[in-house]
Protein backbone atom coordinates (compact mmCIF):
# COMPACT_ATOMS: atom_id res chain seq x y z
CA MET A 1 -12.41 7.72 5.47
CA LYS A 2 -16.07 8.68 5.10
CA ILE A 3 -18.41 5.74 5.65
CA THR A 4 -21.36 6.01 3.25
CA SER A 5 -23.30 2.87 4.15
CA PRO A 6 -23.32 0.07 6.74
CA ASN A 7 -21.44 -2.12 4.29
CA ALA A 8 -18.86 0.49 3.26
CA ASP A 9 -15.90 -1.09 5.09
CA PHE A 10 -16.69 -4.42 3.50
CA PHE A 11 -16.79 -2.96 0.01
CA ILE A 12 -13.64 -0.92 0.62
CA ALA A 13 -11.92 -4.21 1.41
CA ILE A 14 -13.35 -5.77 -1.73
CA PHE A 15 -11.71 -3.19 -3.96
CA THR A 16 -8.58 -2.25 -2.05
CA GLU A 17 -7.60 -5.30 0.04
CA PRO A 18 -9.21 -8.36 -1.59
CA ASP A 19 -6.86 -10.74 0.21
CA LYS A 20 -8.53 -9.75 3.48
CA LEU A 21 -12.05 -10.40 2.23
CA LEU A 22 -12.30 -14.02 3.37
CA GLY A 23 -11.29 -13.13 6.90
CA MET A 24 -13.88 -10.39 7.00
CA ARG A 25 -16.61 -12.75 5.84
CA LYS A 26 -15.78 -15.30 8.51
CA HIS A 27 -15.47 -12.82 11.34
CA ILE A 28 -17.78 -9.97 10.44
CA LYS A 29 -19.92 -10.53 13.54
CA TRP A 30 -16.80 -10.43 15.71
CA ILE A 31 -15.71 -7.21 13.97
CA LEU A 32 -19.07 -5.54 14.63
CA ALA A 33 -19.02 -6.62 18.26
CA SER A 34 -15.47 -5.32 18.67
CA CYS A 35 -16.40 -1.98 17.12
CA LEU A 36 -19.27 -1.66 19.58
CA LEU A 37 -16.96 -2.46 22.49
CA ILE A 38 -14.40 0.07 21.29
CA GLY A 39 -17.11 2.71 20.97
CA MET A 40 -18.24 2.05 24.53
CA THR A 41 -14.75 2.28 25.98
CA ALA A 42 -13.22 5.03 23.86
CA ALA A 43 -14.04 7.93 26.18
CA PRO A 44 -12.36 6.51 29.32
CA LEU A 45 -9.28 5.46 27.35
CA ASN A 46 -8.86 9.03 26.08
CA ALA A 47 -8.71 10.46 29.62
CA ALA A 48 -5.75 9.81 31.91
CA ARG A 49 -6.54 9.19 35.56
CA HIS A 50 -4.95 11.83 37.76
CA PRO A 51 -2.84 10.41 40.62
CA VAL A 52 -4.68 12.52 43.24
CA PRO A 53 -8.25 13.83 43.42
CA LEU A 54 -8.81 17.40 42.20
CA ASP A 55 -11.54 19.95 42.62
CA PRO A 56 -13.68 20.25 39.45
CA LYS A 57 -12.84 23.97 39.43
CA THR A 58 -9.08 23.43 39.44
CA ASP A 59 -7.32 26.20 37.52
CA ALA A 60 -3.99 26.53 35.72
CA ALA A 61 -2.24 28.01 38.73
CA LYS A 62 -2.94 24.81 40.64
CA CYS A 63 -1.58 22.69 37.79
CA VAL A 64 1.70 24.59 37.66
CA GLN A 65 2.37 23.91 41.34
CA CYS A 66 3.22 20.33 40.41
CA HIS A 67 3.92 20.52 36.68
CA THR A 68 6.65 23.17 36.80
CA ASP A 69 8.65 21.29 34.15
CA MET A 70 5.93 22.07 31.60
CA THR A 71 6.74 25.77 31.73
CA LYS A 72 10.52 25.45 31.52
CA GLY A 73 12.57 25.20 28.39
CA LYS A 74 14.22 27.44 25.88
CA PHE A 75 11.09 27.36 23.72
CA VAL A 76 7.70 27.45 25.47
CA HIS A 77 4.55 26.81 23.45
CA SER A 78 2.59 30.05 23.09
CA ALA A 79 -0.61 28.23 24.10
CA MET A 80 0.84 27.86 27.60
CA ALA A 81 0.20 31.57 28.16
CA GLY A 82 -3.53 30.85 28.05
CA GLY A 83 -3.27 28.34 30.87
CA CYS A 84 -3.51 24.57 31.01
CA LEU A 85 -7.28 24.59 30.55
CA THR A 86 -6.80 26.01 27.06
CA CYS A 87 -6.06 22.44 25.94
CA HIS A 88 -7.05 20.24 28.91
CA GLU A 89 -10.16 19.73 30.98
CA VAL A 90 -10.63 18.22 34.44
CA ARG A 91 -13.39 15.68 34.97
CA VAL A 92 -14.29 14.52 38.48
CA THR A 93 -16.48 11.48 39.15
CA GLY A 94 -16.70 10.70 42.82
CA ASN A 95 -13.16 10.23 44.09
CA ILE A 96 -11.72 9.73 40.59
CA THR A 97 -10.22 12.64 38.67
CA ARG A 98 -9.44 12.37 34.98
CA VAL A 99 -7.60 14.92 32.88
CA LYS A 100 -8.26 14.84 29.15
CA LEU A 101 -7.82 16.95 26.06
CA ILE A 102 -10.68 19.22 25.05
CA THR A 103 -10.73 17.38 21.69
CA GLY A 104 -10.84 13.70 20.82
CA THR A 105 -7.24 13.52 19.62
CA SER A 106 -4.07 15.54 20.00
CA LEU A 107 -4.03 16.14 16.23
CA ALA A 108 -7.51 17.68 16.32
CA LEU A 109 -6.39 19.89 19.19
CA CYS A 110 -3.32 21.17 17.34
CA LEU A 111 -5.39 21.92 14.24
CA THR A 112 -7.65 24.28 16.19
CA CYS A 113 -4.76 26.77 16.18
CA HIS A 114 -2.78 25.43 13.19
CA PRO A 115 -5.45 24.75 10.53
CA ASP A 116 -2.89 25.27 7.77
CA LYS A 117 -1.29 21.96 8.78
CA LYS A 118 -4.43 19.88 8.11
CA ALA A 119 -3.25 17.14 5.76
CA SER A 120 -6.53 16.78 3.86
CA ASP A 121 -6.42 20.45 2.87
CA ILE A 122 -2.80 20.45 1.68
CA LYS A 123 -2.00 20.06 -1.99
CA GLY A 124 1.09 17.90 -2.23
CA ARG A 125 2.98 15.30 -0.24
CA VAL A 126 2.61 15.66 3.51
CA HIS A 127 5.31 14.38 5.86
CA PRO A 128 3.70 11.17 7.25
CA PRO A 129 4.01 12.01 10.98
CA ALA A 130 2.09 15.23 10.37
CA ILE A 131 -0.88 13.20 9.15
CA HIS A 132 -1.27 11.22 12.35
CA GLY A 133 -0.14 13.45 15.20
CA CYS A 134 2.00 16.50 15.79
CA VAL A 135 3.32 15.26 19.13
CA VAL A 136 5.38 12.60 17.35
CA CYS A 137 7.88 15.37 16.63
CA HIS A 138 6.79 18.33 18.77
CA ASP A 139 6.51 18.76 22.53
CA PRO A 140 3.17 20.51 23.17
CA HIS A 141 4.44 22.33 26.27
CA SER A 142 8.10 23.36 26.10
CA SER A 143 11.37 22.25 24.60
CA ASN A 144 15.02 23.18 24.43
CA TYR A 145 14.90 22.87 20.65
CA LYS A 146 13.54 25.16 17.94
CA TYR A 147 9.99 24.48 16.77
CA HIS A 148 9.36 22.72 20.11
CA LEU A 149 10.92 19.53 18.74
CA VAL A 150 11.27 16.62 21.15
CA LYS A 151 14.86 16.11 19.91
CA PRO A 152 17.14 18.09 17.59
CA PRO A 153 17.17 17.20 13.86
CA ASP A 154 20.90 16.54 13.83
CA GLY A 155 23.35 14.05 15.29
CA ALA A 156 24.61 10.70 14.08
CA THR A 157 22.44 8.34 16.15
CA LYS A 158 18.76 7.74 16.86
CA ALA A 159 19.32 8.83 20.45
CA GLU A 160 20.51 12.25 19.24
CA ASN A 161 18.61 12.89 16.01
CA LEU A 162 14.82 13.16 15.82
CA CYS A 163 14.77 12.39 12.09
CA LEU A 164 16.67 9.14 12.63
CA THR A 165 13.75 7.91 14.73
CA CYS A 166 12.17 6.96 11.39
CA HIS A 167 14.95 7.37 8.82
CA ASN A 168 18.32 5.63 8.67
CA THR A 169 19.97 8.17 6.39
CA GLY A 170 23.74 8.24 6.80
CA VAL A 171 23.76 5.54 9.48
CA ASN A 172 24.79 2.36 7.64
CA ILE A 173 27.35 3.21 4.99
CA PRO A 174 29.34 0.29 3.54
CA LYS A 175 33.11 0.25 3.43
CA GLY A 176 34.33 2.37 0.54
CA GLY A 177 31.15 4.42 0.54
CA SER A 178 30.65 8.10 1.27
CA ARG A 179 28.50 10.31 3.48
CA HIS A 180 27.49 13.90 2.87
CA PRO A 181 29.01 16.16 5.57
CA ALA A 182 25.85 18.28 5.40
CA LEU A 183 24.13 15.58 7.48
CA ASP A 184 26.13 16.77 10.48
CA MET A 185 24.74 20.27 10.01
CA GLY A 186 21.23 18.96 10.62
CA CYS A 187 18.42 17.82 8.36
CA GLU A 188 16.82 21.27 8.41
CA THR A 189 19.86 22.55 6.48
CA CYS A 190 18.27 21.22 3.31
CA HIS A 191 14.71 20.28 4.33
CA SER A 192 11.68 22.26 5.45
CA ILE A 193 9.50 19.44 6.70
CA HIS A 194 6.10 21.13 6.44
CA LYS A 195 6.77 22.57 2.98
CA SER A 196 4.30 21.15 0.48
CA GLY A 197 3.24 21.92 -3.06
CA ASP A 198 3.08 20.20 -6.43
CA PRO A 199 4.00 16.56 -5.58
CA MET A 200 5.49 16.13 -9.05
CA LYS A 201 8.16 18.72 -8.26
CA ARG A 202 11.15 17.47 -6.28
CA GLU A 203 11.30 20.60 -4.14
CA PHE A 204 7.92 19.71 -2.61
CA ALA A 205 8.01 15.93 -2.86
CA TYR A 206 11.08 15.91 -0.58
CA HIS A 207 10.30 19.08 1.39
CA LEU A 208 13.48 20.81 0.19
CA THR A 209 14.23 24.41 1.14
CA LYS A 210 15.26 24.90 -2.52
CA ASP A 211 15.72 22.56 -5.46
CA ALA A 212 19.10 21.58 -6.90
CA PRO A 213 21.39 23.01 -8.14
CA THR A 214 20.48 26.21 -6.23
CA LEU A 215 20.37 24.29 -2.96
CA CYS A 216 23.79 22.69 -3.52
CA LEU A 217 25.45 25.92 -4.61
CA GLY A 218 24.56 27.42 -1.25
CA CYS A 219 27.52 25.49 0.15
CA HIS A 220 29.56 24.47 -2.92
CA ASP A 221 31.19 27.30 -4.86
CA ALA A 222 31.05 26.50 -8.58
CA ASN A 223 34.22 28.59 -9.07
CA ASP A 224 36.26 26.57 -6.57
CA ALA A 225 39.38 25.22 -8.34
CA ASP A 226 39.28 21.82 -6.64
CA LEU A 227 35.64 21.36 -7.49
CA ALA A 228 36.26 22.32 -11.10
CA LYS A 229 39.15 19.84 -11.29
CA ALA A 230 36.96 17.06 -9.88
CA HIS A 231 34.54 17.73 -12.73
CA ARG A 232 37.36 17.62 -15.32
CA ASN A 233 36.91 21.36 -15.93
CA GLN A 234 33.56 20.72 -17.59
CA PRO A 235 30.82 23.32 -16.94
CA PHE A 236 28.59 22.01 -14.17
CA ALA A 237 27.15 25.04 -12.37
CA LYS A 238 23.77 24.69 -14.07
CA ALA A 239 23.66 20.90 -14.01
CA ASP A 240 21.31 18.93 -11.80
CA CYS A 241 23.71 17.76 -9.08
CA LEU A 242 21.31 15.04 -7.92
CA GLN A 243 21.52 13.22 -11.23
CA CYS A 244 25.12 12.27 -10.47
CA HIS A 245 25.26 12.53 -6.68
CA ASP A 246 23.17 11.13 -3.87
CA PRO A 247 22.51 14.03 -1.45
CA HIS A 248 22.82 11.84 1.65
CA GLN A 249 25.03 8.78 1.26
CA SER A 250 26.37 6.33 -1.27
CA ALA A 251 27.97 2.91 -1.44
CA LYS A 252 30.46 4.54 -3.81
CA PRO A 253 33.01 7.36 -3.33
CA MET A 254 32.10 11.02 -3.91
CA LEU A 255 28.40 10.40 -3.20
CA ALA A 256 28.00 8.83 -6.64
CA GLN A 257 24.44 7.85 -7.51
CA LYS A 258 23.37 4.22 -7.40
CA PHE A 259 23.27 3.76 -11.20
CA LEU A 260 26.21 4.95 -13.30
CA HIS A 261 26.63 5.11 -17.07
CA PRO A 262 29.65 2.86 -17.84
CA PRO A 263 31.88 5.59 -19.40
CA TYR A 264 31.19 7.85 -16.40
CA ALA A 265 31.77 5.02 -13.92
CA ALA A 266 35.15 4.36 -15.51
CA MET A 267 35.95 8.12 -15.44
CA GLY A 268 36.31 7.93 -19.22
CA CYS A 269 35.06 11.46 -19.82
CA GLU A 270 37.07 11.76 -23.02
CA THR A 271 34.92 9.01 -24.54
CA CYS A 272 32.14 11.53 -25.00
CA HIS A 273 33.64 14.93 -24.21
CA ALA A 274 36.23 17.17 -25.79
CA PRO A 275 37.64 20.02 -23.66
CA ALA A 276 34.98 22.62 -22.87
CA LYS A 277 35.01 25.79 -24.98
CA ASP A 278 33.74 29.19 -23.82
CA GLY A 279 32.01 27.57 -20.86
CA GLN A 280 30.08 25.18 -23.08
CA VAL A 281 30.13 21.37 -23.34
CA VAL A 282 31.83 20.06 -26.48
CA LEU A 283 31.12 16.48 -27.60
CA THR A 284 33.34 14.17 -29.61
CA THR A 285 30.58 13.88 -32.27
CA PRO A 286 28.51 16.56 -34.01
CA ASP A 287 25.39 15.91 -31.92
CA VAL A 288 24.11 13.93 -28.95
CA LYS A 289 22.16 11.30 -30.85
CA SER A 290 25.06 10.34 -33.10
CA LEU A 291 27.17 9.91 -29.96
CA CYS A 292 24.65 7.67 -28.19
CA VAL A 293 24.10 5.50 -31.27
CA ILE A 294 27.74 4.40 -31.20
CA CYS A 295 26.90 2.14 -28.27
CA HIS A 296 23.11 1.99 -28.41
CA ALA A 297 22.39 1.10 -32.03
CA ASP A 298 19.71 -1.40 -30.97
CA GLN A 299 17.69 1.32 -29.26
CA ALA A 300 18.06 3.61 -32.26
CA LYS A 301 16.71 0.84 -34.51
CA GLN A 302 13.71 0.26 -32.24
CA ILE A 303 12.88 3.96 -32.18
CA LEU A 304 13.08 4.14 -35.98
CA THR A 305 11.22 0.94 -36.93
CA ALA A 306 8.59 0.58 -34.17
CA LYS A 307 5.06 -0.04 -35.44
CA VAL A 308 3.75 2.39 -32.82
CA GLN A 309 6.31 5.14 -32.50
CA HIS A 310 6.88 7.43 -29.54
CA PRO A 311 7.37 11.03 -30.74
CA GLY A 312 9.26 11.86 -27.56
CA ALA A 313 11.96 9.33 -28.45
CA GLN A 314 12.73 10.83 -31.84
CA GLY A 315 15.07 13.59 -30.74
CA ASP A 316 18.00 14.21 -28.39
CA CYS A 317 18.49 11.21 -26.05
CA THR A 318 19.56 13.45 -23.16
CA VAL A 319 16.12 15.06 -23.04
CA CYS A 320 15.04 11.90 -21.19
CA HIS A 321 18.31 10.28 -20.10
CA ASN A 322 21.10 11.75 -18.04
CA PRO A 323 24.38 10.73 -19.74
CA HIS A 324 26.23 10.25 -16.46
CA ALA A 325 24.15 8.68 -13.70
CA GLY A 326 20.77 8.56 -12.02
CA THR A 327 18.44 7.06 -9.47
CA SER A 328 17.12 4.47 -11.93
CA PRO A 329 18.85 1.94 -14.22
CA ALA A 330 18.02 3.99 -17.33
CA PHE A 331 19.26 7.29 -15.79
CA LEU A 332 15.92 8.97 -16.51
CA GLN A 333 15.83 12.67 -15.67
CA PRO A 334 14.69 14.40 -13.62
CA SER A 335 13.08 11.14 -12.45
CA PRO A 336 11.42 8.04 -13.99
CA VAL A 337 8.04 9.68 -13.39
CA GLU A 338 8.69 13.33 -14.20
CA VAL A 339 10.50 12.49 -17.41
CA CYS A 340 7.15 11.65 -19.01
CA LEU A 341 5.10 14.35 -17.33
CA VAL A 342 7.09 17.08 -19.07
CA CYS A 343 5.04 16.27 -22.18
CA HIS A 344 2.03 14.51 -20.65
CA SER A 345 0.77 17.41 -18.57
CA ASP A 346 -2.73 15.91 -18.34
CA LEU A 347 -1.30 13.00 -16.37
CA ALA A 348 0.71 15.38 -14.21
CA GLU A 349 -2.62 16.66 -12.90
CA LYS A 350 -3.69 13.08 -12.12
CA GLY A 351 -0.57 12.70 -10.00
CA LYS A 352 -1.94 15.29 -7.59
CA GLU A 353 -4.92 13.10 -6.70
CA ALA A 354 -5.20 11.36 -3.35
CA TYR A 355 -4.68 7.79 -4.61
CA PRO A 356 -1.95 7.53 -7.27
CA HIS A 357 -1.17 4.14 -8.78
CA GLN A 358 2.26 3.09 -7.55
CA PRO A 359 3.89 2.30 -10.92
CA ALA A 360 2.56 5.44 -12.58
CA PHE A 361 3.60 8.01 -9.99
CA GLN A 362 6.15 6.34 -7.74
CA GLN A 363 8.20 4.09 -10.01
CA GLY A 364 7.80 5.27 -13.59
CA CYS A 365 5.65 5.02 -16.70
CA ALA A 366 8.09 2.61 -18.39
CA ILE A 367 6.83 -0.22 -16.16
CA CYS A 368 3.72 -0.48 -18.33
CA HIS A 369 4.74 1.44 -21.48
CA MET A 370 7.48 1.00 -24.08
CA PRO A 371 9.25 4.38 -24.11
CA HIS A 372 11.18 3.78 -27.35
CA GLY A 373 8.22 2.48 -29.34
CA GLY A 374 6.41 -0.83 -29.65
CA VAL A 375 3.68 -2.79 -31.40
CA ASN A 376 0.71 -2.23 -29.06
CA PRO A 377 -1.69 0.70 -28.74
CA ASN A 378 -0.66 3.31 -26.17
CA LEU A 379 2.83 1.79 -26.27
CA LEU A 380 1.77 -0.89 -23.74
CA ARG A 381 4.21 -3.70 -23.06
CA VAL A 382 1.65 -6.39 -23.86
CA SER A 383 -1.49 -6.29 -25.99
CA ASP A 384 -3.85 -7.74 -23.38
CA ILE A 385 -4.84 -5.33 -20.61
CA ASN A 386 -5.38 -8.03 -18.00
CA SER A 387 -2.01 -9.66 -18.71
CA LEU A 388 -0.41 -6.27 -18.13
CA CYS A 389 -2.12 -5.77 -14.75
CA LEU A 390 -1.71 -9.37 -13.58
CA GLU A 391 2.05 -9.21 -14.15
CA CYS A 392 2.04 -7.55 -10.73
CA HIS A 393 -1.40 -8.27 -9.27
CA GLY A 394 -1.98 -11.83 -10.43
CA PRO A 395 -1.66 -14.92 -8.20
CA ASN A 396 1.16 -16.13 -10.44
CA ALA A 397 3.19 -12.93 -10.26
CA ASN A 398 6.80 -14.03 -10.08
CA PRO A 399 9.35 -11.20 -9.86
CA GLN A 400 12.89 -12.49 -10.30
CA ALA A 401 15.86 -11.23 -8.28
CA VAL A 402 18.48 -9.45 -10.42
CA LYS A 403 21.83 -10.95 -9.54
CA GLY A 404 24.26 -8.61 -7.81
CA THR A 405 21.64 -5.92 -7.13
CA ASP A 406 18.77 -5.18 -4.76
CA LEU A 407 16.34 -5.16 -7.69
CA VAL A 408 13.69 -7.55 -9.01
CA ALA A 409 12.64 -7.93 -12.64
CA ILE A 410 9.30 -8.52 -14.34
CA PHE A 411 8.21 -8.87 -17.98
CA ASN A 412 10.93 -11.45 -18.63
CA GLY A 413 13.65 -9.26 -17.18
CA LYS A 414 12.77 -6.17 -19.23
CA VAL A 415 11.61 -4.06 -16.26
CA GLU A 416 13.60 -3.71 -13.04
CA LEU A 417 12.06 -2.56 -9.76
CA PRO A 418 13.16 -2.06 -6.14
CA ASN A 419 13.03 -5.34 -4.23
CA ASP A 420 10.44 -3.93 -1.82
CA TYR A 421 8.08 -2.91 -4.63
CA PHE A 422 5.79 -5.91 -4.20
CA LYS A 423 5.26 -5.22 -0.50
CA LYS A 424 2.79 -2.55 -1.62
CA VAL A 425 1.07 -4.60 -4.33
CA PRO A 426 -2.24 -6.38 -3.55
CA ILE A 427 -2.31 -9.86 -5.07
CA LEU A 428 -5.73 -10.96 -6.34
CA PRO A 429 -6.95 -14.42 -5.25
CA LEU A 430 -7.91 -15.48 -8.77
CA LYS A 431 -8.66 -19.01 -9.98
CA GLU A 432 -9.30 -19.55 -13.69
CA GLY A 433 -10.04 -15.86 -14.21
CA LEU A 434 -12.56 -15.63 -11.37
CA GLY A 435 -12.42 -14.17 -7.87
CA HIS A 436 -12.25 -10.37 -7.95
CA PRO A 437 -13.75 -8.39 -6.34
CA ILE A 438 -15.63 -11.34 -4.81
CA ALA A 439 -15.56 -15.11 -5.29
CA ASN A 440 -16.62 -16.30 -8.77
CA HIS A 441 -16.75 -12.75 -10.16
CA PRO A 442 -15.12 -12.73 -13.63
CA ILE A 443 -12.43 -10.25 -14.59
CA SER A 444 -12.37 -10.93 -18.33
CA GLY A 445 -14.46 -12.21 -21.22
CA VAL A 446 -17.99 -11.37 -22.23
CA ALA A 447 -20.27 -10.72 -19.26
CA LYS A 448 -24.06 -10.77 -19.45
CA LEU A 449 -25.65 -8.17 -17.20
CA GLU A 450 -28.98 -8.39 -15.45
CA ASN A 451 -30.60 -6.22 -18.12
CA LYS A 452 -29.48 -8.86 -20.65
CA THR A 453 -26.90 -6.59 -22.29
CA THR A 454 -23.31 -7.82 -22.64
CA ILE A 455 -19.94 -6.15 -22.13
CA GLN A 456 -16.34 -7.17 -22.87
CA MET A 457 -14.61 -7.11 -19.48
CA ASN A 458 -11.07 -6.33 -18.48
CA CYS A 459 -9.41 -4.54 -15.56
CA LEU A 460 -10.19 -1.14 -17.05
CA SER A 461 -13.93 -1.91 -16.88
CA CYS A 462 -13.72 -1.03 -13.19
CA HIS A 463 -10.33 0.59 -12.56
CA GLN A 464 -8.38 3.61 -13.72
CA PRO A 465 -4.71 2.89 -14.48
CA HIS A 466 -3.16 6.10 -13.18
CA ALA A 467 -4.84 7.70 -10.16
CA SER A 468 -8.12 8.49 -8.45
CA THR A 469 -9.57 10.76 -5.82
CA LYS A 470 -11.01 7.67 -4.09
CA PRO A 471 -9.47 4.37 -2.91
CA GLY A 472 -9.52 1.44 -5.31
CA LEU A 473 -8.80 3.54 -8.44
CA LEU A 474 -12.38 2.97 -9.60
CA VAL A 475 -13.55 4.53 -12.87
CA LYS A 476 -15.09 7.99 -12.68
CA ASP A 477 -13.52 8.37 -9.21
CA GLU A 478 -16.44 6.51 -7.64
CA GLU A 479 -16.56 5.33 -4.04
CA PRO A 480 -15.81 1.60 -3.47
CA ASN A 481 -19.26 0.61 -2.25
CA MET A 482 -22.52 -0.98 -3.35
CA ALA A 483 -23.46 2.02 -5.46
CA PHE A 484 -20.53 1.24 -7.76
CA CYS A 485 -21.57 -2.40 -8.13
CA THR A 486 -25.11 -1.44 -9.13
CA ARG A 487 -23.73 0.15 -12.30
CA CYS A 488 -23.79 -3.41 -13.65
CA HIS A 489 -25.79 -5.32 -11.04
CA SER A 490 -29.05 -3.39 -11.05
CA GLN A 491 -30.68 -5.82 -8.61
CA GLY A 492 -27.86 -5.43 -6.08
CA MET A 493 -25.55 -8.09 -4.68
CA MET A 494 -26.39 -11.15 -2.65
CA ALA A 495 -26.11 -10.78 1.11
CA LEU A 496 -23.12 -12.20 2.93
CA PRO A 497 -23.58 -15.78 4.14
């Protein structure tokens, strides 16, 4: 992160980690002293002491005499042809020899030859290990595995499978559950880990070699008789397989997705479907909406009578909802986020920014908005902006566990979220509407500025609700520092005690 002033770290904490502010105020002198100490000791820590003294003019041939293992392996890093001193340097001080990289970090070294892997220059989601250091996954010298991996990307245990070092996919499957056999073929069968692009597209968000159903049909023949029978002879070749099936594992048979529409869960296909005709789906009613209304009359009434109507909810229900299953309780397709971005393309562009708001681009727009219509402007769940934000960020936030699931609910049970959702939510230390971004600072009401003008404050006075190019989601994508505060406080802020 670029530091723009001596107080930048403090102000970054104000806007992005307010719960840590008090600790910073109490220990800021200790922090500064520690930073100085770290700066003084960083160079020696970066250089490993060599077990025996070396001549300052030691060359690669000398290195190989001892480090023969570095040149062996099925796959040898091409940089090795240039000699050890391509990446390393020898420093001799008296009788002490240190060997260090020619750059400050291993990541910086790798990027000198692989600039296309620089995370800050990549548009889209980058695999987290690639942000911090290539040697987490790759051996910089030689390996017996393709791409110089430290372990192969297949196998059923962490000891065998590199990917399972961080992921637990396919490891803990409950009794009665199912596991995709493709896992045994290796993760690279379906994933290309450094593939990045539009983060709103599943192909790039999950580093897939191809998106479904094309990816799935590479192994599963749509004309296979057993597969057709399993799908009740309904046409499925062009369907999105991942709406009904989890591509890795499931607590249910046949890799069924976590959330199932009751008729589908009961295998009651005839409730909605007649036998297919000429390769086309045939419903038991003239159209989709009339079929859905049989069970969901309350939703149809809300769509029709809402004071603020949602045009996107007026048509075919299956434009937004998969009728069989999904990754969310409402079976939104292709996902709870992308379902809205099909129409709201302006927000799709916001999703590409460096700091997306978790509910907007990770969980779904329906956390804050009423997708079937409501009474508030912008289809917000509540009329007061601050009440909306403090449902998650307020000191009295109280998500309730949903019985029999691993979900929690907010807004009086109307919105369900993963139970780990609040691990990523900063809680503001507010008391009587004061305390953010610093003690006694108001977050609502009429505020009188130093130039004697007044403004009506709420969370949107300072923050954007969807995404930003800078941390803190500040308006106009501003940096979280003193310059932002002087928009209102022209005389600056008081110094820290």
